[in-house]
Amino acid sequence: MSDVVQSVRQLLQDFIAPELRELKSDVRQVDSKIDSESTNLKAKIDSETKRLEDKIVSEVGRLEDKVDSGFAQMRTLLENAYLRSELEATRDISNLRERVTRLKVERGSSRQ
């Protein structure tokens, strides 16, 4: 029996142990490659994220400018409309004054 145990031990040492060492080495290489690729992928993701963030900030700034411009135009249009209505009211008041003056003149001349 001792010979069988010794033979099994020898078999393990001669065939299985080297294979296990080779597999360990392969696993280390795969781990190293995964770490390297993971680092590269993280750098690419970070770079793309930064690019997208910059683009979003730029677009938001552009939209803010557009909105501000739109509000400025609306403000100008409202101010112009207000000024036009004020001008029309002033004209109406002036016309009414002229009519009142004419009526006073006409009534004053008809009383005499």
PDB file of N, CA and C in Angstrom:
ATOM      1  N   MET A   1       0.823  -1.188   0.000  1.00  0.00           N
ATOM      2  CA  MET A   1       0.000   0.000   0.000  1.00  0.00           C
ATOM      3  C   MET A   1       0.866   1.250   0.000  1.00  0.00           C
ATOM      4  N   SER A   2       1.946   1.132   0.673  1.00  0.00           N
ATOM      5  CA  SER A   2       2.876   2.238   0.724  1.00  0.00           C
ATOM      6  C   SER A   2       3.383   2.584  -0.666  1.00  0.00           C
ATOM      7  N   ASP A   3       3.538   1.552  -1.488  1.00  0.00           N
ATOM      8  CA  ASP A   3       3.963   1.795  -2.866  1.00  0.00           C
ATOM      9  C   ASP A   3       2.889   2.547  -3.650  1.00  0.00           C
ATOM     10  N   VAL A   4       1.637   2.230  -3.396  1.00  0.00           N
ATOM     11  CA  VAL A   4       0.529   2.905  -4.090  1.00  0.00           C
ATOM     12  C   VAL A   4       0.484   4.370  -3.676  1.00  0.00           C
ATOM     13  N   VAL A   5       0.608   4.605  -2.378  1.00  0.00           N
ATOM     14  CA  VAL A   5       0.595   5.980  -1.889  1.00  0.00           C
ATOM     15  C   VAL A   5       1.782   6.732  -2.478  1.00  0.00           C
ATOM     16  N   GLN A   6       2.908   6.101  -2.477  1.00  0.00           N
ATOM     17  CA  GLN A   6       4.109   6.733  -3.030  1.00  0.00           C
ATOM     18  C   GLN A   6       3.926   7.004  -4.519  1.00  0.00           C
ATOM     19  N   SER A   7       3.314   6.099  -5.228  1.00  0.00           N
ATOM     20  CA  SER A   7       3.086   6.277  -6.663  1.00  0.00           C
ATOM     21  C   SER A   7       2.124   7.430  -6.913  1.00  0.00           C
ATOM     22  N   VAL A   8       1.086   7.509  -6.087  1.00  0.00           N
ATOM     23  CA  VAL A   8       0.113   8.610  -6.235  1.00  0.00           C
ATOM     24  C   VAL A   8       0.809   9.933  -5.945  1.00  0.00           C
ATOM     25  N   ARG A   9       1.623   9.948  -4.898  1.00  0.00           N
ATOM     26  CA  ARG A   9       2.370  11.176  -4.567  1.00  0.00           C
ATOM     27  C   ARG A   9       3.270  11.576  -5.719  1.00  0.00           C
ATOM     28  N   GLN A  10       3.965  10.630  -6.236  1.00  0.00           N
ATOM     29  CA  GLN A  10       4.876  10.897  -7.340  1.00  0.00           C
ATOM     30  C   GLN A  10       4.104  11.407  -8.554  1.00  0.00           C
ATOM     31  N   LEU A  11       2.955  10.804  -8.818  1.00  0.00           N
ATOM     32  CA  LEU A  11       2.111  11.236  -9.930  1.00  0.00           C
ATOM     33  C   LEU A  11       1.668  12.687  -9.724  1.00  0.00           C
ATOM     34  N   LEU A  12       1.242  13.003  -8.504  1.00  0.00           N
ATOM     35  CA  LEU A  12       0.830  14.367  -8.191  1.00  0.00           C
ATOM     36  C   LEU A  12       1.989  15.343  -8.398  1.00  0.00           C
ATOM     37  N   GLN A  13       3.150  14.977  -7.907  1.00  0.00           N
ATOM     38  CA  GLN A  13       4.293  15.870  -8.031  1.00  0.00           C
ATOM     39  C   GLN A  13       4.748  16.003  -9.483  1.00  0.00           C
ATOM     40  N   ASP A  14       4.692  14.940 -10.228  1.00  0.00           N
ATOM     41  CA  ASP A  14       5.207  14.967 -11.595  1.00  0.00           C
ATOM     42  C   ASP A  14       4.242  15.608 -12.592  1.00  0.00           C
ATOM     43  N   PHE A  15       2.957  15.426 -12.423  1.00  0.00           N
ATOM     44  CA  PHE A  15       2.018  15.890 -13.448  1.00  0.00           C
ATOM     45  C   PHE A  15       1.079  17.000 -12.971  1.00  0.00           C
ATOM     46  N   ILE A  16       0.480  16.764 -11.840  1.00  0.00           N
ATOM     47  CA  ILE A  16      -0.553  17.705 -11.390  1.00  0.00           C
ATOM     48  C   ILE A  16       0.067  18.980 -10.807  1.00  0.00           C
ATOM     49  N   ALA A  17       1.091  18.874 -10.012  1.00  0.00           N
ATOM     50  CA  ALA A  17       1.712  20.062  -9.402  1.00  0.00           C
ATOM     51  C   ALA A  17       2.220  21.047 -10.462  1.00  0.00           C
ATOM     52  N   PRO A  18       2.939  20.601 -11.487  1.00  0.00           N
ATOM     53  CA  PRO A  18       3.373  21.555 -12.516  1.00  0.00           C
ATOM     54  C   PRO A  18       2.189  22.203 -13.238  1.00  0.00           C
ATOM     55  N   GLU A  19       1.163  21.407 -13.476  1.00  0.00           N
ATOM     56  CA  GLU A  19      -0.029  21.966 -14.117  1.00  0.00           C
ATOM     57  C   GLU A  19      -0.667  23.032 -13.235  1.00  0.00           C
ATOM     58  N   LEU A  20      -0.736  22.755 -11.959  1.00  0.00           N
ATOM     59  CA  LEU A  20      -1.300  23.738 -11.023  1.00  0.00           C
ATOM     60  C   LEU A  20      -0.463  25.010 -10.996  1.00  0.00           C
ATOM     61  N   ARG A  21       0.867  24.845 -10.979  1.00  0.00           N
ATOM     62  CA  ARG A  21       1.738  26.029 -11.005  1.00  0.00           C
ATOM     63  C   ARG A  21       1.527  26.819 -12.293  1.00  0.00           C
ATOM     64  N   GLU A  22       1.390  26.117 -13.396  1.00  0.00           N
ATOM     65  CA  GLU A  22       1.163  26.791 -14.676  1.00  0.00           C
ATOM     66  C   GLU A  22      -0.192  27.507 -14.675  1.00  0.00           C
ATOM     67  N   LEU A  23      -1.199  26.846 -14.128  1.00  0.00           N
ATOM     68  CA  LEU A  23      -2.521  27.473 -14.028  1.00  0.00           C
ATOM     69  C   LEU A  23      -2.469  28.715 -13.133  1.00  0.00           C
ATOM     70  N   LYS A  24      -1.742  28.634 -12.021  1.00  0.00           N
ATOM     71  CA  LYS A  24      -1.580  29.807 -11.143  1.00  0.00           C
ATOM     72  C   LYS A  24      -0.932  30.952 -11.904  1.00  0.00           C
ATOM     73  N   SER A  25       0.070  30.632 -12.668  1.00  0.00           N
ATOM     74  CA  SER A  25       0.758  31.647 -13.463  1.00  0.00           C
ATOM     75  C   SER A  25      -0.200  32.257 -14.482  1.00  0.00           C
ATOM     76  N   ASP A  26      -0.980  31.404 -15.134  1.00  0.00           N
ATOM     77  CA  ASP A  26      -1.960  31.893 -16.113  1.00  0.00           C
ATOM     78  C   ASP A  26      -2.991  32.793 -15.441  1.00  0.00           C
ATOM     79  N   VAL A  27      -3.452  32.400 -14.264  1.00  0.00           N
ATOM     80  CA  VAL A  27      -4.436  33.205 -13.525  1.00  0.00           C
ATOM     81  C   VAL A  27      -3.829  34.560 -13.175  1.00  0.00           C
ATOM     82  N   ARG A  28      -2.575  34.581 -12.744  1.00  0.00           N
ATOM     83  CA  ARG A  28      -1.907  35.854 -12.431  1.00  0.00           C
ATOM     84  C   ARG A  28      -1.820  36.744 -13.671  1.00  0.00           C
ATOM     85  N   GLN A  29      -1.492  36.140 -14.812  1.00  0.00           N
ATOM     86  CA  GLN A  29      -1.417  36.907 -16.054  1.00  0.00           C
ATOM     87  C   GLN A  29      -2.786  37.463 -16.439  1.00  0.00           C
ATOM     88  N   VAL A  30      -3.805  36.656 -16.298  1.00  0.00           N
ATOM     89  CA  VAL A  30      -5.166  37.111 -16.613  1.00  0.00           C
ATOM     90  C   VAL A  30      -5.570  38.229 -15.650  1.00  0.00           C
ATOM     91  N   ASP A  31      -5.274  38.063 -14.363  1.00  0.00           N
ATOM     92  CA  ASP A  31      -5.565  39.116 -13.383  1.00  0.00           C
ATOM     93  C   ASP A  31      -4.858  40.414 -13.748  1.00  0.00           C
ATOM     94  N   SER A  32      -3.597  40.279 -14.127  1.00  0.00           N
ATOM     95  CA  SER A  32      -2.827  41.463 -14.504  1.00  0.00           C
ATOM     96  C   SER A  32      -3.429  42.134 -15.733  1.00  0.00           C
ATOM     97  N   LYS A  33      -3.801  41.334 -16.699  1.00  0.00           N
ATOM     98  CA  LYS A  33      -4.397  41.874 -17.927  1.00  0.00           C
ATOM     99  C   LYS A  33      -5.745  42.527 -17.619  1.00  0.00           C
ATOM    100  N   ILE A  34      -6.541  41.895 -16.776  1.00  0.00           N
ATOM    101  CA  ILE A  34      -7.841  42.468 -16.380  1.00  0.00           C
ATOM    102  C   ILE A  34      -7.623  43.805 -15.674  1.00  0.00           C
ATOM    103  N   ASP A  35      -6.661  43.859 -14.765  1.00  0.00           N
ATOM    104  CA  ASP A  35      -6.363  45.121 -14.065  1.00  0.00           C
ATOM    105  C   ASP A  35      -5.960  46.208 -15.047  1.00  0.00           C
ATOM    106  N   SER A  36      -5.105  45.839 -16.006  1.00  0.00           N
ATOM    107  CA  SER A  36      -4.646  46.806 -17.000  1.00  0.00           C
ATOM    108  C   SER A  36      -5.807  47.302 -17.856  1.00  0.00           C
ATOM    109  N   GLU A  37      -6.611  46.374 -18.347  1.00  0.00           N
ATOM    110  CA  GLU A  37      -7.759  46.748 -19.176  1.00  0.00           C
ATOM    111  C   GLU A  37      -8.774  47.550 -18.373  1.00  0.00           C
ATOM    112  N   SER A  38      -8.946  47.180 -17.124  1.00  0.00           N
ATOM    113  CA  SER A  38      -9.872  47.910 -16.249  1.00  0.00           C
ATOM    114  C   SER A  38      -9.401  49.355 -16.062  1.00  0.00           C
ATOM    115  N   THR A  39      -8.106  49.525 -15.880  1.00  0.00           N
ATOM    116  CA  THR A  39      -7.542  50.876 -15.743  1.00  0.00           C
ATOM    117  C   THR A  39      -7.736  51.670 -17.024  1.00  0.00           C
ATOM    118  N   ASN A  40      -7.464  51.034 -18.163  1.00  0.00           N
ATOM    119  CA  ASN A  40      -7.659  51.708 -19.456  1.00  0.00           C
ATOM    120  C   ASN A  40      -9.123  52.084 -19.673  1.00  0.00           C
ATOM    121  N   LEU A  41     -10.013  51.153 -19.353  1.00  0.00           N
ATOM    122  CA  LEU A  41     -11.442  51.404 -19.524  1.00  0.00           C
ATOM    123  C   LEU A  41     -11.908  52.527 -18.612  1.00  0.00           C
ATOM    124  N   LYS A  42     -11.427  52.529 -17.377  1.00  0.00           N
ATOM    125  CA  LYS A  42     -11.794  53.596 -16.437  1.00  0.00           C
ATOM    126  C   LYS A  42     -11.311  54.950 -16.958  1.00  0.00           C
ATOM    127  N   ALA A  43     -10.109  54.983 -17.502  1.00  0.00           N
ATOM    128  CA  ALA A  43      -9.583  56.238 -18.056  1.00  0.00           C
ATOM    129  C   ALA A  43     -10.430  56.704 -19.237  1.00  0.00           C
ATOM    130  N   LYS A  44     -10.832  55.772 -20.091  1.00  0.00           N
ATOM    131  CA  LYS A  44     -11.680  56.131 -21.233  1.00  0.00           C
ATOM    132  C   LYS A  44     -13.042  56.632 -20.764  1.00  0.00           C
ATOM    133  N   ILE A  45     -13.614  55.949 -19.791  1.00  0.00           N
ATOM    134  CA  ILE A  45     -14.919  56.369 -19.255  1.00  0.00           C
ATOM    135  C   ILE A  45     -14.808  57.750 -18.624  1.00  0.00           C
ATOM    136  N   ASP A  46     -13.750  57.969 -17.838  1.00  0.00           N
ATOM    137  CA  ASP A  46     -13.546  59.277 -17.215  1.00  0.00           C
ATOM    138  C   ASP A  46     -13.399  60.374 -18.262  1.00  0.00           C
ATOM    139  N   SER A  47     -12.641  60.079 -19.307  1.00  0.00           N
ATOM    140  CA  SER A  47     -12.430  61.048 -20.377  1.00  0.00           C
ATOM    141  C   SER A  47     -13.745  61.371 -21.085  1.00  0.00           C
ATOM    142  N   GLU A  48     -14.505  60.333 -21.388  1.00  0.00           N
ATOM    143  CA  GLU A  48     -15.792  60.538 -22.079  1.00  0.00           C
ATOM    144  C   GLU A  48     -16.785  61.276 -21.176  1.00  0.00           C
ATOM    145  N   THR A  49     -16.775  60.918 -19.910  1.00  0.00           N
ATOM    146  CA  THR A  49     -17.657  61.603 -18.951  1.00  0.00           C
ATOM    147  C   THR A  49     -17.312  63.081 -18.884  1.00  0.00           C
ATOM    148  N   LYS A  50     -16.036  63.394 -18.835  1.00  0.00           N
ATOM    149  CA  LYS A  50     -15.599  64.794 -18.792  1.00  0.00           C
ATOM    150  C   LYS A  50     -16.017  65.522 -20.064  1.00  0.00           C
ATOM    151  N   ARG A  51     -15.846  64.858 -21.209  1.00  0.00           N
ATOM    152  CA  ARG A  51     -16.225  65.464 -22.485  1.00  0.00           C
ATOM    153  C   ARG A  51     -17.724  65.750 -22.504  1.00  0.00           C
ATOM    154  N   LEU A  52     -18.518  64.790 -22.044  1.00  0.00           N
ATOM    155  CA  LEU A  52     -19.966  64.978 -22.016  1.00  0.00           C
ATOM    156  C   LEU A  52     -20.376  66.067 -21.023  1.00  0.00           C
ATOM    157  N   GLU A  53     -19.723  66.098 -19.874  1.00  0.00           N
ATOM    158  CA  GLU A  53     -20.017  67.155 -18.896  1.00  0.00           C
ATOM    159  C   GLU A  53     -19.718  68.528 -19.485  1.00  0.00           C
ATOM    160  N   ASP A  54     -18.576  68.639 -20.152  1.00  0.00           N
ATOM    161  CA  ASP A  54     -18.212  69.919 -20.777  1.00  0.00           C
ATOM    162  C   ASP A  54     -19.236  70.313 -21.836  1.00  0.00           C
ATOM    163  N   LYS A  55     -19.679  69.327 -22.616  1.00  0.00           N
ATOM    164  CA  LYS A  55     -20.664  69.608 -23.659  1.00  0.00           C
ATOM    165  C   LYS A  55     -21.991  70.039 -23.038  1.00  0.00           C
ATOM    166  N   ILE A  56     -22.399  69.371 -21.975  1.00  0.00           N
ATOM    167  CA  ILE A  56     -23.653  69.734 -21.298  1.00  0.00           C
ATOM    168  C   ILE A  56     -23.560  71.143 -20.729  1.00  0.00           C
ATOM    169  N   VAL A  57     -22.447  71.452 -20.079  1.00  0.00           N
ATOM    170  CA  VAL A  57     -22.267  72.796 -19.517  1.00  0.00           C
ATOM    171  C   VAL A  57     -22.325  73.840 -20.625  1.00  0.00           C
ATOM    172  N   SER A  58     -21.676  73.533 -21.746  1.00  0.00           N
ATOM    173  CA  SER A  58     -21.681  74.451 -22.885  1.00  0.00           C
ATOM    174  C   SER A  58     -23.096  74.650 -23.420  1.00  0.00           C
ATOM    175  N   GLU A  59     -23.824  73.551 -23.577  1.00  0.00           N
ATOM    176  CA  GLU A  59     -25.195  73.630 -24.110  1.00  0.00           C
ATOM    177  C   GLU A  59     -26.112  74.366 -23.137  1.00  0.00           C
ATOM    178  N   VAL A  60     -25.958  74.100 -21.843  1.00  0.00           N
ATOM    179  CA  VAL A  60     -26.778  74.798 -20.852  1.00  0.00           C
ATOM    180  C   VAL A  60     -26.478  76.297 -20.902  1.00  0.00           C
ATOM    181  N   GLY A  61     -25.214  76.656 -21.030  1.00  0.00           N
ATOM    182  CA  GLY A  61     -24.841  78.068 -21.152  1.00  0.00           C
ATOM    183  C   GLY A  61     -25.451  78.696 -22.395  1.00  0.00           C
ATOM    184  N   ARG A  62     -25.417  77.959 -23.495  1.00  0.00           N
ATOM    185  CA  ARG A  62     -26.006  78.455 -24.742  1.00  0.00           C
ATOM    186  C   ARG A  62     -27.509  78.647 -24.584  1.00  0.00           C
ATOM    187  N   LEU A  63     -28.162  77.684 -23.948  1.00  0.00           N
ATOM    188  CA  LEU A  63     -29.608  77.795 -23.737  1.00  0.00           C
ATOM    189  C   LEU A  63     -29.945  78.951 -22.793  1.00  0.00           C
ATOM    190  N   GLU A  64     -29.125  79.132 -21.757  1.00  0.00           N
ATOM    191  CA  GLU A  64     -29.354  80.261 -20.848  1.00  0.00           C
ATOM    192  C   GLU A  64     -29.247  81.582 -21.606  1.00  0.00           C
ATOM    193  N   ASP A  65     -28.238  81.683 -22.467  1.00  0.00           N
ATOM    194  CA  ASP A  65     -28.083  82.901 -23.272  1.00  0.00           C
ATOM    195  C   ASP A  65     -29.303  83.120 -24.169  1.00  0.00           C
ATOM    196  N   LYS A  66     -29.782  82.017 -24.758  1.00  0.00           N
ATOM    197  CA  LYS A  66     -30.940  82.110 -25.645  1.00  0.00           C
ATOM    198  C   LYS A  66     -32.184  82.553 -24.862  1.00  0.00           C
ATOM    199  N   VAL A  67     -32.378  81.976 -23.696  1.00  0.00           N
ATOM    200  CA  VAL A  67     -33.523  82.342 -22.852  1.00  0.00           C
ATOM    201  C   VAL A  67     -33.412  83.802 -22.427  1.00  0.00           C
ATOM    202  N   ASP A  68     -32.208  84.198 -21.990  1.00  0.00           N
ATOM    203  CA  ASP A  68     -32.001  85.597 -21.600  1.00  0.00           C
ATOM    204  C   ASP A  68     -32.303  86.536 -22.756  1.00  0.00           C
ATOM    205  N   SER A  69     -31.858  86.159 -23.942  1.00  0.00           N
ATOM    206  CA  SER A  69     -32.110  86.973 -25.125  1.00  0.00           C
ATOM    207  C   SER A  69     -33.608  87.057 -25.411  1.00  0.00           C
ATOM    208  N   GLY A  70     -34.295  85.924 -25.279  1.00  0.00           N
ATOM    209  CA  GLY A  70     -35.741  85.906 -25.498  1.00  0.00           C
ATOM    210  C   GLY A  70     -36.468  86.792 -24.501  1.00  0.00           C
ATOM    211  N   PHE A  71     -36.048  86.728 -23.237  1.00  0.00           N
ATOM    212  CA  PHE A  71     -36.674  87.581 -22.231  1.00  0.00           C
ATOM    213  C   PHE A  71     -36.387  89.053 -22.493  1.00  0.00           C
ATOM    214  N   ALA A  72     -35.173  89.334 -22.953  1.00  0.00           N
ATOM    215  CA  ALA A  72     -34.832  90.730 -23.274  1.00  0.00           C
ATOM    216  C   ALA A  72     -35.714  91.229 -24.419  1.00  0.00           C
ATOM    217  N   GLN A  73     -35.919  90.384 -25.422  1.00  0.00           N
ATOM    218  CA  GLN A  73     -36.792  90.769 -26.537  1.00  0.00           C
ATOM    219  C   GLN A  73     -38.225  90.978 -26.063  1.00  0.00           C
ATOM    220  N   MET A  74     -38.706  90.089 -25.192  1.00  0.00           N
ATOM    221  CA  MET A  74     -40.057  90.244 -24.657  1.00  0.00           C
ATOM    222  C   MET A  74     -40.181  91.536 -23.855  1.00  0.00           C
ATOM    223  N   ARG A  75     -39.167  91.811 -23.056  1.00  0.00           N
ATOM    224  CA  ARG A  75     -39.161  93.042 -22.259  1.00  0.00           C
ATOM    225  C   ARG A  75     -39.229  94.253 -23.176  1.00  0.00           C
ATOM    226  N   THR A  76     -38.443  94.245 -24.242  1.00  0.00           N
ATOM    227  CA  THR A  76     -38.444  95.350 -25.202  1.00  0.00           C
ATOM    228  C   THR A  76     -39.807  95.491 -25.866  1.00  0.00           C
ATOM    229  N   LEU A  77     -40.378  94.370 -26.280  1.00  0.00           N
ATOM    230  CA  LEU A  77     -41.698  94.412 -26.915  1.00  0.00           C
ATOM    231  C   LEU A  77     -42.759  94.938 -25.954  1.00  0.00           C
ATOM    232  N   LEU A  78     -42.694  94.492 -24.711  1.00  0.00           N
ATOM    233  CA  LEU A  78     -43.662  94.982 -23.722  1.00  0.00           C
ATOM    234  C   LEU A  78     -43.479  96.470 -23.445  1.00  0.00           C
ATOM    235  N   GLU A  79     -42.239  96.893 -23.349  1.00  0.00           N
ATOM    236  CA  GLU A  79     -41.979  98.320 -23.136  1.00  0.00           C
ATOM    237  C   GLU A  79     -42.489  99.139 -24.321  1.00  0.00           C
ATOM    238  N   ASN A  80     -42.239  98.647 -25.527  1.00  0.00           N
ATOM    239  CA  ASN A  80     -42.730  99.342 -26.723  1.00  0.00           C
ATOM    240  C   ASN A  80     -44.256  99.394 -26.744  1.00  0.00           C
ATOM    241  N   ALA A  81     -44.888  98.276 -26.387  1.00  0.00           N
ATOM    242  CA  ALA A  81     -46.351  98.250 -26.358  1.00  0.00           C
ATOM    243  C   ALA A  81     -46.869  99.226 -25.313  1.00  0.00           C
ATOM    244  N   TYR A  82     -46.218  99.267 -24.172  1.00  0.00           N
ATOM    245  CA  TYR A  82     -46.621 100.198 -23.106  1.00  0.00           C
ATOM    246  C   TYR A  82     -46.461 101.649 -23.582  1.00  0.00           C
ATOM    247  N   LEU A  83     -45.322 101.921 -24.214  1.00  0.00           N
ATOM    248  CA  LEU A  83     -45.087 103.285 -24.706  1.00  0.00           C
ATOM    249  C   LEU A  83     -46.099 103.664 -25.784  1.00  0.00           C
ATOM    250  N   ARG A  84     -46.425 102.706 -26.665  1.00  0.00           N
ATOM    251  CA  ARG A  84     -47.445 102.987 -27.688  1.00  0.00           C
ATOM    252  C   ARG A  84     -48.796 103.286 -27.038  1.00  0.00           C
ATOM    253  N   SER A  85     -49.152 102.510 -26.024  1.00  0.00           N
ATOM    254  CA  SER A  85     -50.446 102.754 -25.369  1.00  0.00           C
ATOM    255  C   SER A  85     -50.432 104.095 -24.647  1.00  0.00           C
ATOM    256  N   GLU A  86     -49.299 104.457 -24.063  1.00  0.00           N
ATOM    257  CA  GLU A  86     -49.177 105.766 -23.418  1.00  0.00           C
ATOM    258  C   GLU A  86     -49.301 106.884 -24.458  1.00  0.00           C
ATOM    259  N   LEU A  87     -48.668 106.684 -25.594  1.00  0.00           N
ATOM    260  CA  LEU A  87     -48.731 107.689 -26.663  1.00  0.00           C
ATOM    261  C   LEU A  87     -50.167 107.831 -27.169  1.00  0.00           C
ATOM    262  N   GLU A  88     -50.849 106.686 -27.353  1.00  0.00           N
ATOM    263  CA  GLU A  88     -52.248 106.744 -27.790  1.00  0.00           C
ATOM    264  C   GLU A  88     -53.119 107.436 -26.754  1.00  0.00           C
ATOM    265  N   ALA A  89     -52.883 107.148 -25.496  1.00  0.00           N
ATOM    266  CA  ALA A  89     -53.662 107.801 -24.437  1.00  0.00           C
ATOM    267  C   ALA A  89     -53.398 109.297 -24.434  1.00  0.00           C
ATOM    268  N   THR A  90     -52.152 109.692 -24.623  1.00  0.00           N
ATOM    269  CA  THR A  90     -51.809 111.112 -24.671  1.00  0.00           C
ATOM    270  C   THR A  90     -52.490 111.783 -25.860  1.00  0.00           C
ATOM    271  N   ARG A  91     -52.491 111.125 -27.014  1.00  0.00           N
ATOM    272  CA  ARG A  91     -53.178 111.675 -28.195  1.00  0.00           C
ATOM    273  C   ARG A  91     -54.677 111.816 -27.938  1.00  0.00           C
ATOM    274  N   ASP A  92     -55.250 110.764 -27.328  1.00  0.00           N
ATOM    275  CA  ASP A  92     -56.683 110.827 -27.029  1.00  0.00           C
ATOM    276  C   ASP A  92     -56.998 111.991 -26.093  1.00  0.00           C
ATOM    277  N   ILE A  93     -56.178 112.167 -25.076  1.00  0.00           N
ATOM    278  CA  ILE A  93     -56.383 113.276 -24.140  1.00  0.00           C
ATOM    279  C   ILE A  93     -56.243 114.608 -24.858  1.00  0.00           C
ATOM    280  N   SER A  94     -55.231 114.703 -25.725  1.00  0.00           N
ATOM    281  CA  SER A  94     -55.033 115.944 -26.485  1.00  0.00           C
ATOM    282  C   SER A  94     -56.234 116.221 -27.383  1.00  0.00           C
ATOM    283  N   ASN A  95     -56.727 115.176 -28.063  1.00  0.00           N
ATOM    284  CA  ASN A  95     -57.912 115.351 -28.918  1.00  0.00           C
ATOM    285  C   ASN A  95     -59.122 115.781 -28.097  1.00  0.00           C
ATOM    286  N   LEU A  96     -59.289 115.165 -26.927  1.00  0.00           N
ATOM    287  CA  LEU A  96     -60.413 115.551 -26.078  1.00  0.00           C
ATOM    288  C   LEU A  96     -60.289 117.006 -25.617  1.00  0.00           C
ATOM    289  N   ARG A  97     -59.099 117.432 -25.289  1.00  0.00           N
ATOM    290  CA  ARG A  97     -58.893 118.833 -24.877  1.00  0.00           C
ATOM    291  C   ARG A  97     -59.271 119.781 -26.021  1.00  0.00           C
ATOM    292  N   GLU A  98     -58.825 119.422 -27.229  1.00  0.00           N
ATOM    293  CA  GLU A  98     -59.153 120.262 -28.388  1.00  0.00           C
ATOM    294  C   GLU A  98     -60.661 120.338 -28.581  1.00  0.00           C
ATOM    295  N   ARG A  99     -61.351 119.196 -28.452  1.00  0.00           N
ATOM    296  CA  ARG A  99     -62.812 119.204 -28.624  1.00  0.00           C
ATOM    297  C   ARG A  99     -63.495 120.033 -27.544  1.00  0.00           C
ATOM    298  N   VAL A 100     -62.988 119.864 -26.298  1.00  0.00           N
ATOM    299  CA  VAL A 100     -63.570 120.652 -25.201  1.00  0.00           C
ATOM    300  C   VAL A 100     -63.342 122.129 -25.464  1.00  0.00           C
ATOM    301  N   THR A 101     -62.164 122.500 -25.899  1.00  0.00           N
ATOM    302  CA  THR A 101     -61.872 123.911 -26.193  1.00  0.00           C
ATOM    303  C   THR A 101     -62.785 124.406 -27.305  1.00  0.00           C
ATOM    304  N   ARG A 102     -62.956 123.640 -28.378  1.00  0.00           N
ATOM    305  CA  ARG A 102     -63.855 124.042 -29.474  1.00  0.00           C
ATOM    306  C   ARG A 102     -65.296 124.188 -28.987  1.00  0.00           C
ATOM    307  N   LEU A 103     -65.705 123.203 -28.140  1.00  0.00           N
ATOM    308  CA  LEU A 103     -67.070 123.290 -27.618  1.00  0.00           C
ATOM    309  C   LEU A 103     -67.259 124.548 -26.760  1.00  0.00           C
ATOM    310  N   LYS A 104     -66.239 124.854 -25.971  1.00  0.00           N
ATOM    311  CA  LYS A 104     -66.323 126.068 -25.149  1.00  0.00           C
ATOM    312  C   LYS A 104     -66.405 127.284 -26.036  1.00  0.00           C
ATOM    313  N   VAL A 105     -65.572 127.291 -27.087  1.00  0.00           N
ATOM    314  CA  VAL A 105     -65.581 128.425 -28.001  1.00  0.00           C
ATOM    315  C   VAL A 105     -66.930 128.525 -28.706  1.00  0.00           C
ATOM    316  N   GLU A 106     -67.455 127.415 -29.190  1.00  0.00           N
ATOM    317  CA  GLU A 106     -68.742 127.412 -29.877  1.00  0.00           C
ATOM    318  C   GLU A 106     -69.867 127.835 -28.937  1.00  0.00           C
ATOM    319  N   ARG A 107     -69.886 127.358 -27.747  1.00  0.00           N
ATOM    320  CA  ARG A 107     -70.945 127.735 -26.794  1.00  0.00           C
ATOM    321  C   ARG A 107     -70.778 129.173 -26.361  1.00  0.00           C
ATOM    322  N   GLY A 108     -69.525 129.577 -26.251  1.00  0.00           N
ATOM    323  CA  GLY A 108     -69.293 130.976 -25.859  1.00  0.00           C
ATOM    324  C   GLY A 108     -69.729 131.907 -26.940  1.00  0.00           C
ATOM    325  N   SER A 109     -69.553 131.568 -28.172  1.00  0.00           N
ATOM    326  CA  SER A 109     -69.939 132.449 -29.282  1.00  0.00           C
ATOM    327  C   SER A 109     -71.445 132.382 -29.530  1.00  0.00           C
ATOM    328  N   SER A 110     -72.081 131.286 -29.230  1.00  0.00           N
ATOM    329  CA  SER A 110     -73.536 131.186 -29.442  1.00  0.00           C
ATOM    330  C   SER A 110     -74.295 131.911 -28.327  1.00  0.00           C
ATOM    331  N   ARG A 111     -73.728 132.141 -27.177  1.00  0.00           N
ATOM    332  CA  ARG A 111     -74.365 132.835 -26.084  1.00  0.00           C
ATOM    333  C   ARG A 111     -74.343 134.340 -26.328  1.00  0.00           C
ATOM    334  N   GLN A 112     -73.442 134.779 -27.067  1.00  0.00           N
ATOM    335  CA  GLN A 112     -73.322 136.215 -27.260  1.00  0.00           C
ATOM    336  C   GLN A 112     -74.307 136.725 -28.187  1.00  0.00           C
TER     337      GLN A 112
END
